[in-house]
């Protein structure tokens, strides 16, 4: 199936083809290649509005995920028809991520990919509200990033390191 990527901001240049390829590989590592994923690259204003509306935290953030299905962590959805082969949508706060990368010196493309991996895990029910949930999500992110690293020769690590 497909990864539909839309760049809804113009402040930060985004290399869409490598990001789309990475998300396809991450989706495959999750065993979810049959499912569509929407990926939106958003600026701070949109992320702030969405974060305020859905999480009651009106400030920009790096990633928001909107799952199409409600599943337990690690379970794949069980679609009943073709229209339900959809994991959901991930909004990447590229302006926010870019600002963070400028402050930390991290590679923007790498952080964007790792943040997308984090968003994909959320689409499949992973959370990090408690320490056990965080540990489970961290392990899944590490697993799928390791597969991407094997395929691409990169050295990406999970976003959730040290968040709990």
Protein backbone atom coordinates (compact mmCIF):
# COMPACT_ATOMS: atom_id res chain seq x y z
CA UNK A 1 0.00 0.00 0.00
CA UNK A 2 1.08 3.61 0.08
CA UNK A 3 2.66 6.31 2.16
CA UNK A 4 1.09 9.62 1.21
CA UNK A 5 3.35 12.52 2.16
CA UNK A 6 2.13 16.10 2.16
CA UNK A 7 4.30 19.10 2.98
CA UNK A 8 1.91 21.61 4.59
CA UNK A 9 4.59 24.14 5.49
CA UNK A 10 7.15 26.18 3.59
CA UNK A 11 9.57 27.31 6.29
CA UNK A 12 11.84 24.26 6.33
CA UNK A 13 13.02 22.33 3.27
CA UNK A 14 12.08 18.66 3.53
CA UNK A 15 13.64 15.93 1.42
CA UNK A 16 10.43 14.03 0.79
CA UNK A 17 11.69 11.03 -1.20
CA UNK A 18 14.16 9.80 1.48
CA UNK A 19 11.56 10.36 4.20
CA UNK A 20 8.94 8.41 2.24
CA UNK A 21 11.41 5.55 1.63
CA UNK A 22 12.31 5.43 5.33
CA UNK A 23 8.65 5.36 6.40
CA UNK A 24 7.99 2.53 3.91
CA UNK A 25 10.87 0.53 5.39
CA UNK A 26 9.73 1.25 8.96
CA UNK A 27 6.18 0.23 8.08
CA UNK A 28 7.54 -3.04 6.65
CA UNK A 29 9.59 -3.63 9.82
CA UNK A 30 6.34 -3.31 11.78
CA UNK A 31 4.69 -5.90 9.53
CA UNK A 32 2.25 -3.27 8.30
CA UNK A 33 3.19 -2.91 4.62
CA UNK A 34 -0.39 -3.67 3.58
CA UNK A 35 -1.61 -0.51 5.31
CA UNK A 36 -1.70 3.07 4.05
CA UNK A 37 -0.14 5.84 6.12
CA UNK A 38 -0.62 9.58 5.80
CA UNK A 39 2.37 11.75 6.65
CA UNK A 40 2.00 15.52 6.96
CA UNK A 41 4.98 17.83 7.41
CA UNK A 42 3.60 20.74 9.43
CA UNK A 43 4.78 24.09 10.74
CA UNK A 44 4.57 25.32 14.30
CA UNK A 45 1.20 27.07 13.87
CA UNK A 46 -0.60 23.93 12.68
CA UNK A 47 1.09 21.74 15.29
CA UNK A 48 0.12 24.20 18.01
CA UNK A 49 -3.52 24.20 16.87
CA UNK A 50 -3.67 20.40 16.67
CA UNK A 51 -1.87 19.89 19.97
CA UNK A 52 -4.25 22.33 21.65
CA UNK A 53 -7.36 20.77 20.12
CA UNK A 54 -6.48 17.11 20.71
CA UNK A 55 -4.13 17.12 23.69
CA UNK A 56 -5.18 20.36 25.40
CA UNK A 57 -1.58 21.56 25.24
CA UNK A 58 -1.56 24.63 22.97
CA UNK A 59 2.09 24.65 21.98
CA UNK A 60 4.03 23.26 19.03
CA UNK A 61 5.36 19.72 19.28
CA UNK A 62 7.43 17.30 17.22
CA UNK A 63 4.84 14.64 16.36
CA UNK A 64 1.14 13.90 16.64
CA UNK A 65 -0.40 10.62 15.54
CA UNK A 66 -4.01 9.99 14.67
CA UNK A 67 -4.69 6.25 14.41
CA UNK A 68 -7.44 5.00 12.12
CA UNK A 69 -7.91 1.91 14.33
CA UNK A 70 -7.75 1.50 18.08
CA UNK A 71 -5.49 -1.48 18.76
CA UNK A 72 -3.46 -2.79 21.67
CA UNK A 73 0.26 -2.11 21.50
CA UNK A 74 1.83 -4.11 18.70
CA UNK A 75 -1.37 -5.52 17.27
CA UNK A 76 -2.17 -5.02 13.63
CA UNK A 77 -5.66 -3.82 12.77
CA UNK A 78 -8.10 -6.38 11.41
CA UNK A 79 -9.72 -4.54 8.49
CA UNK A 80 -13.09 -5.75 7.22
CA UNK A 81 -12.82 -4.06 3.82
CA UNK A 82 -10.26 -2.37 1.55
CA UNK A 83 -11.07 1.12 2.87
CA UNK A 84 -9.96 0.08 6.35
CA UNK A 85 -6.38 -0.77 5.31
CA UNK A 86 -5.21 2.47 6.83
CA UNK A 87 -3.01 2.96 9.90
CA UNK A 88 -3.81 6.65 10.21
CA UNK A 89 -2.01 9.96 9.93
CA UNK A 90 1.22 11.27 11.39
CA UNK A 91 1.86 15.00 11.65
CA UNK A 92 5.55 15.81 11.88
CA UNK A 93 6.31 19.22 13.38
CA UNK A 94 9.19 19.87 10.99
CA UNK A 95 9.64 23.49 12.06
CA UNK A 96 9.80 22.42 15.71
CA UNK A 97 12.15 19.51 14.91
CA UNK A 98 14.37 21.77 12.81
CA UNK A 99 14.66 24.27 15.68
CA UNK A 100 15.59 21.47 18.09
CA UNK A 101 18.22 20.14 15.67
CA UNK A 102 19.78 23.57 15.34
CA UNK A 103 20.09 23.73 19.14
CA UNK A 104 21.45 20.20 19.59
CA UNK A 105 23.48 19.84 16.39
CA UNK A 106 21.65 16.64 15.42
CA UNK A 107 21.03 15.79 11.78
CA UNK A 108 17.58 17.04 10.75
CA UNK A 109 16.89 14.19 8.31
CA UNK A 110 17.83 11.57 10.89
CA UNK A 111 15.66 13.13 13.60
CA UNK A 112 12.76 13.43 11.15
CA UNK A 113 13.02 9.70 10.39
CA UNK A 114 13.25 8.74 14.06
CA UNK A 115 10.26 10.96 14.85
CA UNK A 116 8.29 9.28 12.06
CA UNK A 117 9.17 5.89 13.61
CA UNK A 118 7.82 7.16 16.92
CA UNK A 119 4.61 8.27 15.21
CA UNK A 120 4.21 4.90 13.49
CA UNK A 121 4.49 3.13 16.83
CA UNK A 122 1.72 5.36 18.19
CA UNK A 123 -0.48 4.37 15.23
CA UNK A 124 -0.08 0.75 16.33
CA UNK A 125 -1.15 1.38 19.91
CA UNK A 126 2.18 2.02 21.61
CA UNK A 127 2.16 4.67 24.32
CA UNK A 128 4.59 6.05 26.87
CA UNK A 129 2.39 7.28 29.73
CA UNK A 130 3.83 4.81 32.24
CA UNK A 131 7.28 3.30 32.64
CA UNK A 132 6.19 -0.18 31.42
CA UNK A 133 4.52 1.39 28.36
CA UNK A 134 7.62 3.49 27.73
CA UNK A 135 9.85 0.42 27.92
CA UNK A 136 7.62 -1.48 25.49
CA UNK A 137 7.53 1.43 23.02
CA UNK A 138 11.28 2.02 23.32
CA UNK A 139 11.96 -1.64 22.49
CA UNK A 140 9.68 -1.52 19.44
CA UNK A 141 11.27 1.70 18.18
CA UNK A 142 14.74 0.23 18.69
CA UNK A 143 13.71 -2.91 16.79
CA UNK A 144 12.32 -1.13 13.73
CA UNK A 145 15.12 1.42 13.63
CA UNK A 146 17.65 -1.42 13.80
CA UNK A 147 16.01 -2.93 10.72
CA UNK A 148 16.19 0.44 8.95
CA UNK A 149 19.83 0.80 10.03
CA UNK A 150 20.58 -2.65 8.59
CA UNK A 151 19.01 -1.68 5.27
CA UNK A 152 20.53 1.80 5.00
CA UNK A 153 23.77 1.67 6.99
CA UNK A 154 22.54 4.46 9.26
CA UNK A 155 22.84 4.53 13.06
CA UNK A 156 19.48 5.80 14.22
CA UNK A 157 18.30 5.39 17.81
CA UNK A 158 14.83 5.72 19.37
CA UNK A 159 13.38 9.10 20.16
CA UNK A 160 12.02 7.99 23.51
CA UNK A 161 15.44 7.49 25.12
CA UNK A 162 15.32 9.17 28.50
CA UNK A 163 11.77 10.48 28.16
CA UNK A 164 10.41 8.58 31.14
